[in-house]
């Protein structure tokens, strides 16, 4: 996968628990866990906006493009 999710890192930096973020974003903790692990095929802009709102960050702080070795 070329997109790496850095949400865990930002949560630690902001000292915010996953439970608090899930409640703010209005998603289940299990869905947030899937997002943090990168096991989702997409993220709604509304969800991304709510995450950035609470964490006071930009989408680029959460997502990083890393080229695959085959590219």
Protein backbone atom coordinates (compact mmCIF):
# COMPACT_ATOMS: atom_id res chain seq x y z
CA UNK A 1 0.00 0.00 0.00
CA UNK A 2 1.38 3.41 -0.92
CA UNK A 3 -0.63 5.45 1.63
CA UNK A 4 0.48 5.09 5.26
CA UNK A 5 -1.82 6.24 8.08
CA UNK A 6 0.03 8.15 10.80
CA UNK A 7 -3.00 8.65 13.07
CA UNK A 8 -1.45 6.77 16.02
CA UNK A 9 1.52 9.12 16.04
CA UNK A 10 -0.68 12.23 16.08
CA UNK A 11 -2.89 10.81 18.84
CA UNK A 12 0.18 10.25 21.03
CA UNK A 13 1.55 13.72 20.27
CA UNK A 14 -1.79 15.35 21.16
CA UNK A 15 -2.35 13.05 24.18
CA UNK A 16 -5.81 12.11 22.97
CA UNK A 17 -7.24 8.63 23.45
CA UNK A 18 -8.77 6.67 20.61
CA UNK A 19 -12.05 6.49 22.54
CA UNK A 20 -12.27 10.28 22.71
CA UNK A 21 -11.52 10.63 19.00
CA UNK A 22 -14.07 7.96 18.03
CA UNK A 23 -16.76 9.74 20.06
CA UNK A 24 -15.92 13.12 18.49
CA UNK A 25 -15.85 11.71 14.96
CA UNK A 26 -19.00 9.64 15.63
CA UNK A 27 -17.55 6.31 14.53
CA UNK A 28 -17.09 3.11 16.49
CA UNK A 29 -13.80 2.37 18.16
CA UNK A 30 -13.47 -0.72 15.98
CA UNK A 31 -13.84 1.38 12.80
CA UNK A 32 -11.28 3.82 14.16
CA UNK A 33 -8.94 0.90 14.83
CA UNK A 34 -9.34 -0.24 11.22
CA UNK A 35 -8.55 3.29 10.04
CA UNK A 36 -5.47 3.54 12.27
CA UNK A 37 -4.15 0.23 10.97
CA UNK A 38 -4.73 1.25 7.34
CA UNK A 39 -7.27 -1.54 6.72
CA UNK A 40 -9.84 0.70 5.02
CA UNK A 41 -10.34 1.40 1.35
CA UNK A 42 -11.35 5.01 1.82
CA UNK A 43 -12.19 7.77 4.27
CA UNK A 44 -15.03 10.24 3.95
CA UNK A 45 -14.00 13.89 3.89
CA UNK A 46 -16.45 14.54 6.74
CA UNK A 47 -14.67 11.94 8.88
CA UNK A 48 -11.27 13.34 7.98
CA UNK A 49 -12.47 16.87 8.80
CA UNK A 50 -13.73 15.82 12.24
CA UNK A 51 -10.44 14.05 12.99
CA UNK A 52 -8.44 17.13 11.96
CA UNK A 53 -10.75 19.37 13.98
CA UNK A 54 -10.16 17.53 17.26
CA UNK A 55 -6.47 16.87 16.67
CA UNK A 56 -5.86 20.40 15.35
CA UNK A 57 -3.92 19.11 12.39
CA UNK A 58 -3.92 18.92 8.62
CA UNK A 59 -4.79 15.80 6.57
CA UNK A 60 -1.12 15.59 5.54
CA UNK A 61 -0.23 15.07 9.22
CA UNK A 62 -2.32 11.89 9.18
CA UNK A 63 -1.57 10.41 5.76
CA UNK A 64 1.73 9.88 4.01
CA UNK A 65 2.51 8.66 0.50
CA UNK A 66 5.25 6.02 0.46
CA UNK A 67 5.99 4.50 -2.95
CA UNK A 68 5.86 0.72 -3.19
CA UNK A 69 9.14 -1.03 -3.86
CA UNK A 70 7.76 -2.16 -7.25
CA UNK A 71 7.17 1.40 -8.44
